[in-house]
Amino acid sequence: MKANKLTPNLEVTNIRETIAFYQSVLGFSLVMAVPETQDGIEQTLAEAKEYVYALVRKDSVEMMFQRTDSFKEDVPLAKDLSMGASVSFYMEIDGLDRFYEQIKGRGLHPTELKTAWYGMREFYLTDNNGYILGFAEKSAE
């Protein structure tokens, strides 16, 4: 088996709100979205539609979001599980200090920026669905 890439698919309650968070706070771009009619793929969100799925990207990081009803139908193993399992999504980025200050300025209450024992400067925050996101950069120390 050859593994090519890992793209998390997160269960969310509202696609539109989740996309807004990832675009405005984290700088991701919408790649595609699927309306609840599931009759096509769209590259922008239409005002009068609700969505069941979206894919976002920032540089080489992609994340998928799927509305709870659709997610539990497509992933039967999640049927009785609550959203937001104990997992964090850890992203290595460039410009961590500047990004941290931007996040703090938005009132998102990240953890303190620190250098971990394994040599990464990092901090964590929760997204609008309660998922834990970690951001890190190799320490210069």
N, C-alpha and C. Protein backbone atom coordinates (compact mmCIF):
# COMPACT_ATOMS: atom_id res chain seq x y z
N MET A 1 0.83 -1.19 0.00
CA MET A 1 0.00 0.00 0.00
C MET A 1 0.88 1.25 0.00
N LYS A 2 0.53 2.20 -0.83
CA LYS A 2 1.20 3.49 -0.86
C LYS A 2 0.21 4.54 -0.39
N ALA A 3 0.56 5.28 0.65
CA ALA A 3 -0.31 6.35 1.13
C ALA A 3 0.07 7.64 0.41
N ASN A 4 -0.91 8.33 -0.15
CA ASN A 4 -0.63 9.52 -0.94
C ASN A 4 -0.92 10.83 -0.22
N LYS A 5 -1.99 10.86 0.58
CA LYS A 5 -2.33 12.09 1.28
C LYS A 5 -3.41 11.80 2.30
N LEU A 6 -3.49 12.64 3.32
CA LEU A 6 -4.52 12.53 4.34
C LEU A 6 -5.31 13.83 4.37
N THR A 7 -6.61 13.74 4.19
CA THR A 7 -7.48 14.91 4.24
C THR A 7 -8.57 14.63 5.26
N PRO A 8 -8.56 15.32 6.40
CA PRO A 8 -9.61 15.05 7.39
C PRO A 8 -10.98 15.50 6.89
N ASN A 9 -12.00 14.72 7.24
CA ASN A 9 -13.39 15.05 6.94
C ASN A 9 -14.07 15.26 8.28
N LEU A 10 -14.41 16.50 8.60
CA LEU A 10 -14.95 16.83 9.91
C LEU A 10 -16.46 16.99 9.87
N GLU A 11 -17.13 16.37 10.80
CA GLU A 11 -18.57 16.55 10.94
C GLU A 11 -18.82 17.94 11.52
N VAL A 12 -19.72 18.70 10.89
CA VAL A 12 -20.04 20.05 11.34
C VAL A 12 -21.55 20.27 11.30
N THR A 13 -22.02 21.24 12.07
CA THR A 13 -23.45 21.51 12.10
C THR A 13 -23.90 22.45 11.00
N ASN A 14 -22.99 23.33 10.52
CA ASN A 14 -23.39 24.32 9.52
C ASN A 14 -22.21 24.58 8.58
N ILE A 15 -22.36 24.19 7.34
CA ILE A 15 -21.29 24.34 6.35
C ILE A 15 -20.95 25.82 6.13
N ARG A 16 -21.95 26.64 5.94
CA ARG A 16 -21.73 28.07 5.65
C ARG A 16 -20.93 28.74 6.77
N GLU A 17 -21.31 28.51 8.03
CA GLU A 17 -20.59 29.11 9.16
C GLU A 17 -19.16 28.58 9.27
N THR A 18 -19.00 27.30 8.99
CA THR A 18 -17.66 26.70 9.05
C THR A 18 -16.75 27.28 7.97
N ILE A 19 -17.26 27.41 6.76
CA ILE A 19 -16.48 28.00 5.67
C ILE A 19 -16.11 29.44 6.03
N ALA A 20 -17.04 30.19 6.57
CA ALA A 20 -16.77 31.58 6.95
C ALA A 20 -15.64 31.64 7.97
N PHE A 21 -15.65 30.75 8.96
CA PHE A 21 -14.58 30.72 9.97
C PHE A 21 -13.23 30.42 9.31
N TYR A 22 -13.17 29.37 8.52
CA TYR A 22 -11.89 28.95 7.92
C TYR A 22 -11.38 29.98 6.91
N GLN A 23 -12.26 30.68 6.22
CA GLN A 23 -11.83 31.71 5.28
C GLN A 23 -11.38 32.97 6.03
N SER A 24 -12.22 33.49 6.89
CA SER A 24 -11.93 34.79 7.50
C SER A 24 -10.88 34.72 8.60
N VAL A 25 -10.85 33.64 9.36
CA VAL A 25 -9.90 33.55 10.47
C VAL A 25 -8.59 32.90 10.05
N LEU A 26 -8.66 31.84 9.26
CA LEU A 26 -7.46 31.06 8.95
C LEU A 26 -6.93 31.24 7.53
N GLY A 27 -7.66 31.95 6.68
CA GLY A 27 -7.17 32.23 5.34
C GLY A 27 -7.31 31.10 4.34
N PHE A 28 -8.18 30.14 4.60
CA PHE A 28 -8.42 29.06 3.65
C PHE A 28 -9.30 29.57 2.51
N SER A 29 -9.27 28.87 1.39
CA SER A 29 -10.12 29.17 0.24
C SER A 29 -11.06 28.01 -0.01
N LEU A 30 -12.27 28.33 -0.43
CA LEU A 30 -13.23 27.29 -0.77
C LEU A 30 -12.83 26.68 -2.10
N VAL A 31 -12.73 25.36 -2.14
CA VAL A 31 -12.42 24.64 -3.38
C VAL A 31 -13.73 24.21 -4.04
N MET A 32 -14.62 23.62 -3.22
CA MET A 32 -15.91 23.20 -3.75
C MET A 32 -16.89 22.97 -2.62
N ALA A 33 -18.17 22.99 -2.98
CA ALA A 33 -19.24 22.73 -2.02
C ALA A 33 -20.33 21.96 -2.73
N VAL A 34 -21.05 21.14 -1.95
CA VAL A 34 -22.16 20.36 -2.49
C VAL A 34 -23.45 20.81 -1.77
N PRO A 35 -24.44 21.28 -2.54
CA PRO A 35 -25.70 21.70 -1.92
C PRO A 35 -26.46 20.49 -1.37
N GLU A 36 -27.41 20.75 -0.47
CA GLU A 36 -28.13 19.63 0.13
C GLU A 36 -28.95 18.84 -0.88
N THR A 37 -29.24 19.40 -2.04
CA THR A 37 -29.91 18.65 -3.10
C THR A 37 -28.98 17.60 -3.71
N GLN A 38 -27.69 17.74 -3.47
CA GLN A 38 -26.64 16.84 -3.96
C GLN A 38 -26.74 16.62 -5.46
N ASP A 39 -27.04 17.69 -6.19
CA ASP A 39 -27.20 17.60 -7.64
C ASP A 39 -26.08 18.29 -8.40
N GLY A 40 -24.97 18.53 -7.72
CA GLY A 40 -23.84 19.14 -8.40
C GLY A 40 -22.79 19.62 -7.42
N ILE A 41 -21.72 20.15 -7.98
CA ILE A 41 -20.61 20.69 -7.21
C ILE A 41 -20.49 22.16 -7.56
N GLU A 42 -20.32 23.00 -6.55
CA GLU A 42 -20.22 24.43 -6.77
C GLU A 42 -18.91 24.97 -6.21
N GLN A 43 -18.39 26.01 -6.85
CA GLN A 43 -17.15 26.63 -6.41
C GLN A 43 -17.38 27.85 -5.51
N THR A 44 -18.61 28.30 -5.41
CA THR A 44 -18.97 29.41 -4.51
C THR A 44 -20.28 29.05 -3.82
N LEU A 45 -20.50 29.65 -2.65
CA LEU A 45 -21.73 29.40 -1.92
C LEU A 45 -22.82 30.36 -2.40
N ALA A 46 -23.97 29.82 -2.73
CA ALA A 46 -25.12 30.64 -3.13
C ALA A 46 -25.91 31.03 -1.89
N GLU A 47 -26.40 32.25 -1.85
CA GLU A 47 -27.13 32.76 -0.68
C GLU A 47 -28.34 31.91 -0.32
N ALA A 48 -29.10 31.46 -1.31
CA ALA A 48 -30.37 30.79 -1.04
C ALA A 48 -30.25 29.28 -0.85
N LYS A 49 -29.04 28.75 -0.73
CA LYS A 49 -28.86 27.31 -0.63
C LYS A 49 -28.22 26.93 0.70
N GLU A 50 -28.55 25.71 1.12
CA GLU A 50 -27.87 25.08 2.24
C GLU A 50 -26.95 24.02 1.66
N TYR A 51 -25.87 23.70 2.39
CA TYR A 51 -24.86 22.79 1.88
C TYR A 51 -24.62 21.63 2.84
N VAL A 52 -24.22 20.48 2.26
CA VAL A 52 -23.93 19.30 3.08
C VAL A 52 -22.44 18.97 3.10
N TYR A 53 -21.66 19.59 2.22
CA TYR A 53 -20.23 19.25 2.12
C TYR A 53 -19.47 20.43 1.56
N ALA A 54 -18.22 20.57 2.01
CA ALA A 54 -17.32 21.57 1.42
C ALA A 54 -15.88 21.10 1.59
N LEU A 55 -15.04 21.51 0.67
CA LEU A 55 -13.60 21.26 0.71
C LEU A 55 -12.92 22.62 0.68
N VAL A 56 -11.99 22.83 1.63
CA VAL A 56 -11.22 24.07 1.66
C VAL A 56 -9.75 23.74 1.57
N ARG A 57 -8.95 24.75 1.14
CA ARG A 57 -7.51 24.55 0.98
C ARG A 57 -6.77 25.82 1.36
N LYS A 58 -5.62 25.63 1.98
CA LYS A 58 -4.66 26.71 2.20
C LYS A 58 -3.31 26.10 1.93
N ASP A 59 -2.65 26.60 0.90
CA ASP A 59 -1.36 26.07 0.48
C ASP A 59 -1.48 24.56 0.23
N SER A 60 -0.77 23.71 0.98
CA SER A 60 -0.87 22.27 0.72
C SER A 60 -1.74 21.55 1.74
N VAL A 61 -2.52 22.28 2.53
CA VAL A 61 -3.42 21.68 3.51
C VAL A 61 -4.86 21.73 3.00
N GLU A 62 -5.52 20.58 3.00
CA GLU A 62 -6.93 20.51 2.63
C GLU A 62 -7.73 19.94 3.79
N MET A 63 -8.95 20.44 3.94
CA MET A 63 -9.86 19.91 4.95
C MET A 63 -11.25 19.82 4.34
N MET A 64 -11.96 18.74 4.70
CA MET A 64 -13.33 18.55 4.24
C MET A 64 -14.26 18.75 5.43
N PHE A 65 -15.45 19.28 5.16
CA PHE A 65 -16.47 19.46 6.18
C PHE A 65 -17.77 18.87 5.65
N GLN A 66 -18.44 18.10 6.49
CA GLN A 66 -19.68 17.47 6.07
C GLN A 66 -20.73 17.67 7.17
N ARG A 67 -21.90 18.11 6.76
CA ARG A 67 -22.97 18.38 7.71
C ARG A 67 -23.37 17.09 8.44
N THR A 68 -23.72 17.21 9.70
CA THR A 68 -23.97 16.06 10.58
C THR A 68 -24.87 15.00 9.97
N ASP A 69 -26.02 15.36 9.44
CA ASP A 69 -26.94 14.36 8.89
C ASP A 69 -26.30 13.58 7.75
N SER A 70 -25.62 14.28 6.86
CA SER A 70 -24.97 13.64 5.71
C SER A 70 -23.78 12.79 6.18
N PHE A 71 -23.01 13.32 7.12
CA PHE A 71 -21.83 12.61 7.64
C PHE A 71 -22.24 11.28 8.27
N LYS A 72 -23.26 11.31 9.12
CA LYS A 72 -23.67 10.09 9.82
C LYS A 72 -24.30 9.07 8.86
N GLU A 73 -24.88 9.56 7.78
CA GLU A 73 -25.40 8.64 6.76
C GLU A 73 -24.26 8.00 5.97
N ASP A 74 -23.26 8.79 5.61
CA ASP A 74 -22.14 8.29 4.80
C ASP A 74 -21.12 7.49 5.61
N VAL A 75 -21.00 7.80 6.91
CA VAL A 75 -20.01 7.14 7.77
C VAL A 75 -20.77 6.46 8.91
N PRO A 76 -21.34 5.28 8.66
CA PRO A 76 -22.18 4.62 9.66
C PRO A 76 -21.48 4.40 11.02
N LEU A 77 -20.17 4.26 11.03
CA LEU A 77 -19.44 4.06 12.29
C LEU A 77 -19.58 5.27 13.21
N ALA A 78 -19.96 6.43 12.69
CA ALA A 78 -20.10 7.65 13.49
C ALA A 78 -21.52 7.85 14.00
N LYS A 79 -22.41 6.93 13.67
CA LYS A 79 -23.84 7.10 13.98
C LYS A 79 -24.11 7.49 15.43
N ASP A 80 -23.48 6.82 16.38
CA ASP A 80 -23.75 7.06 17.79
C ASP A 80 -22.65 7.87 18.48
N LEU A 81 -21.75 8.43 17.72
CA LEU A 81 -20.66 9.21 18.29
C LEU A 81 -21.02 10.69 18.33
N SER A 82 -20.50 11.38 19.34
CA SER A 82 -20.70 12.83 19.39
C SER A 82 -19.66 13.51 18.50
N MET A 83 -19.98 14.70 18.05
CA MET A 83 -19.09 15.46 17.19
C MET A 83 -17.88 15.92 18.00
N GLY A 84 -16.71 16.00 17.34
CA GLY A 84 -15.52 16.54 17.99
C GLY A 84 -14.80 15.54 18.87
N ALA A 85 -14.50 14.37 18.38
CA ALA A 85 -13.77 13.37 19.15
C ALA A 85 -12.45 13.97 19.67
N SER A 86 -11.83 13.30 20.61
CA SER A 86 -10.60 13.85 21.18
C SER A 86 -9.44 13.69 20.20
N VAL A 87 -9.34 14.66 19.34
CA VAL A 87 -8.32 14.69 18.31
C VAL A 87 -7.96 16.15 18.07
N SER A 88 -6.73 16.39 17.65
CA SER A 88 -6.38 17.75 17.23
C SER A 88 -5.76 17.66 15.85
N PHE A 89 -5.90 18.74 15.10
CA PHE A 89 -5.34 18.80 13.76
C PHE A 89 -4.18 19.77 13.80
N TYR A 90 -2.99 19.27 13.53
CA TYR A 90 -1.74 19.97 13.74
C TYR A 90 -1.18 20.41 12.39
N MET A 91 -1.04 21.72 12.20
CA MET A 91 -0.56 22.27 10.94
C MET A 91 0.76 22.99 11.14
N GLU A 92 1.74 22.65 10.34
CA GLU A 92 2.99 23.41 10.35
C GLU A 92 2.82 24.58 9.39
N ILE A 93 3.17 25.77 9.87
CA ILE A 93 3.02 26.97 9.06
C ILE A 93 4.29 27.81 9.13
N ASP A 94 4.42 28.77 8.24
CA ASP A 94 5.47 29.77 8.29
C ASP A 94 4.87 31.05 8.85
N GLY A 95 5.64 31.80 9.61
CA GLY A 95 5.15 33.06 10.16
C GLY A 95 4.26 32.87 11.38
N LEU A 96 4.61 31.93 12.24
CA LEU A 96 3.77 31.58 13.38
C LEU A 96 3.53 32.76 14.32
N ASP A 97 4.57 33.52 14.66
CA ASP A 97 4.40 34.62 15.62
C ASP A 97 3.42 35.66 15.11
N ARG A 98 3.53 36.04 13.86
CA ARG A 98 2.62 37.02 13.26
C ARG A 98 1.19 36.48 13.23
N PHE A 99 1.04 35.21 12.87
CA PHE A 99 -0.28 34.59 12.83
C PHE A 99 -0.89 34.52 14.23
N TYR A 100 -0.07 34.20 15.22
CA TYR A 100 -0.55 34.13 16.60
C TYR A 100 -1.10 35.49 17.05
N GLU A 101 -0.40 36.56 16.73
CA GLU A 101 -0.87 37.90 17.10
C GLU A 101 -2.19 38.23 16.39
N GLN A 102 -2.32 37.82 15.15
CA GLN A 102 -3.58 38.04 14.42
C GLN A 102 -4.73 37.30 15.10
N ILE A 103 -4.49 36.06 15.50
CA ILE A 103 -5.52 35.24 16.14
C ILE A 103 -5.92 35.87 17.47
N LYS A 104 -4.93 36.29 18.27
CA LYS A 104 -5.23 36.92 19.55
C LYS A 104 -6.05 38.19 19.35
N GLY A 105 -5.73 38.94 18.30
CA GLY A 105 -6.44 40.17 18.01
C GLY A 105 -7.89 39.96 17.61
N ARG A 106 -8.24 38.74 17.25
CA ARG A 106 -9.62 38.43 16.85
C ARG A 106 -10.44 37.92 18.03
N GLY A 107 -9.82 37.86 19.22
CA GLY A 107 -10.54 37.42 20.41
C GLY A 107 -10.85 35.94 20.44
N LEU A 108 -10.00 35.12 19.85
CA LEU A 108 -10.26 33.68 19.78
C LEU A 108 -9.68 32.88 20.95
N HIS A 109 -8.94 33.50 21.82
CA HIS A 109 -8.41 32.87 23.03
C HIS A 109 -7.57 31.62 22.76
N PRO A 110 -6.49 31.77 22.00
CA PRO A 110 -5.61 30.62 21.78
C PRO A 110 -4.84 30.30 23.06
N THR A 111 -4.24 29.11 23.09
CA THR A 111 -3.33 28.80 24.19
C THR A 111 -2.10 29.69 24.06
N GLU A 112 -1.29 29.71 25.10
CA GLU A 112 -0.06 30.50 25.04
C GLU A 112 0.86 29.93 23.97
N LEU A 113 1.56 30.81 23.28
CA LEU A 113 2.57 30.40 22.31
C LEU A 113 3.77 29.90 23.09
N LYS A 114 4.20 28.67 22.83
CA LYS A 114 5.31 28.10 23.59
C LYS A 114 6.16 27.21 22.69
N THR A 115 7.36 26.93 23.16
CA THR A 115 8.23 25.98 22.47
C THR A 115 8.12 24.65 23.21
N ALA A 116 7.69 23.63 22.50
CA ALA A 116 7.50 22.30 23.08
C ALA A 116 8.85 21.57 23.19
N TRP A 117 8.86 20.53 23.97
CA TRP A 117 10.08 19.76 24.20
C TRP A 117 10.65 19.15 22.92
N TYR A 118 9.81 19.01 21.88
CA TYR A 118 10.26 18.41 20.62
C TYR A 118 10.69 19.45 19.59
N GLY A 119 10.88 20.72 20.05
CA GLY A 119 11.49 21.74 19.21
C GLY A 119 10.55 22.53 18.31
N MET A 120 9.25 22.44 18.55
CA MET A 120 8.30 23.20 17.74
C MET A 120 7.68 24.31 18.60
N ARG A 121 7.62 25.53 18.03
CA ARG A 121 6.85 26.62 18.65
C ARG A 121 5.43 26.42 18.20
N GLU A 122 4.48 26.48 19.13
CA GLU A 122 3.12 26.10 18.77
C GLU A 122 2.08 26.75 19.68
N PHE A 123 0.84 26.74 19.19
CA PHE A 123 -0.31 27.11 19.99
C PHE A 123 -1.53 26.38 19.43
N TYR A 124 -2.57 26.36 20.24
CA TYR A 124 -3.81 25.69 19.86
C TYR A 124 -4.99 26.63 20.03
N LEU A 125 -6.04 26.39 19.24
CA LEU A 125 -7.31 27.08 19.42
C LEU A 125 -8.42 26.15 18.96
N THR A 126 -9.65 26.51 19.27
CA THR A 126 -10.77 25.71 18.79
C THR A 126 -11.48 26.47 17.67
N ASP A 127 -11.96 25.72 16.69
CA ASP A 127 -12.72 26.35 15.61
C ASP A 127 -14.17 26.54 16.04
N ASN A 128 -14.99 27.01 15.15
CA ASN A 128 -16.38 27.31 15.49
C ASN A 128 -17.22 26.07 15.78
N ASN A 129 -16.69 24.87 15.51
CA ASN A 129 -17.39 23.62 15.81
C ASN A 129 -16.82 22.91 17.03
N GLY A 130 -15.77 23.47 17.63
CA GLY A 130 -15.15 22.87 18.80
C GLY A 130 -13.96 21.97 18.48
N TYR A 131 -13.56 21.87 17.21
CA TYR A 131 -12.40 21.07 16.87
C TYR A 131 -11.13 21.81 17.30
N ILE A 132 -10.14 21.06 17.74
CA ILE A 132 -8.89 21.64 18.22
C ILE A 132 -7.91 21.71 17.05
N LEU A 133 -7.42 22.93 16.79
CA LEU A 133 -6.45 23.15 15.73
C LEU A 133 -5.13 23.57 16.36
N GLY A 134 -4.06 22.92 15.96
CA GLY A 134 -2.72 23.28 16.42
C GLY A 134 -1.95 23.90 15.28
N PHE A 135 -1.17 24.94 15.60
CA PHE A 135 -0.34 25.62 14.61
C PHE A 135 1.08 25.65 15.12
N ALA A 136 2.03 25.31 14.27
CA ALA A 136 3.41 25.16 14.74
C ALA A 136 4.41 25.58 13.67
N GLU A 137 5.60 25.92 14.18
CA GLU A 137 6.74 26.25 13.32
C GLU A 137 7.99 25.77 14.03
N LYS A 138 8.92 25.22 13.28
CA LYS A 138 10.17 24.74 13.88
C LYS A 138 10.85 25.90 14.60
N SER A 139 11.26 25.65 15.84
CA SER A 139 11.89 26.68 16.66
C SER A 139 13.28 27.00 16.14
N ALA A 140 13.64 28.28 16.19
CA ALA A 140 14.98 28.70 15.78
C ALA A 140 16.00 28.48 16.88
N GLU A 141 15.55 28.16 18.08
CA GLU A 141 16.43 27.98 19.25
C GLU A 141 17.19 26.69 19.19
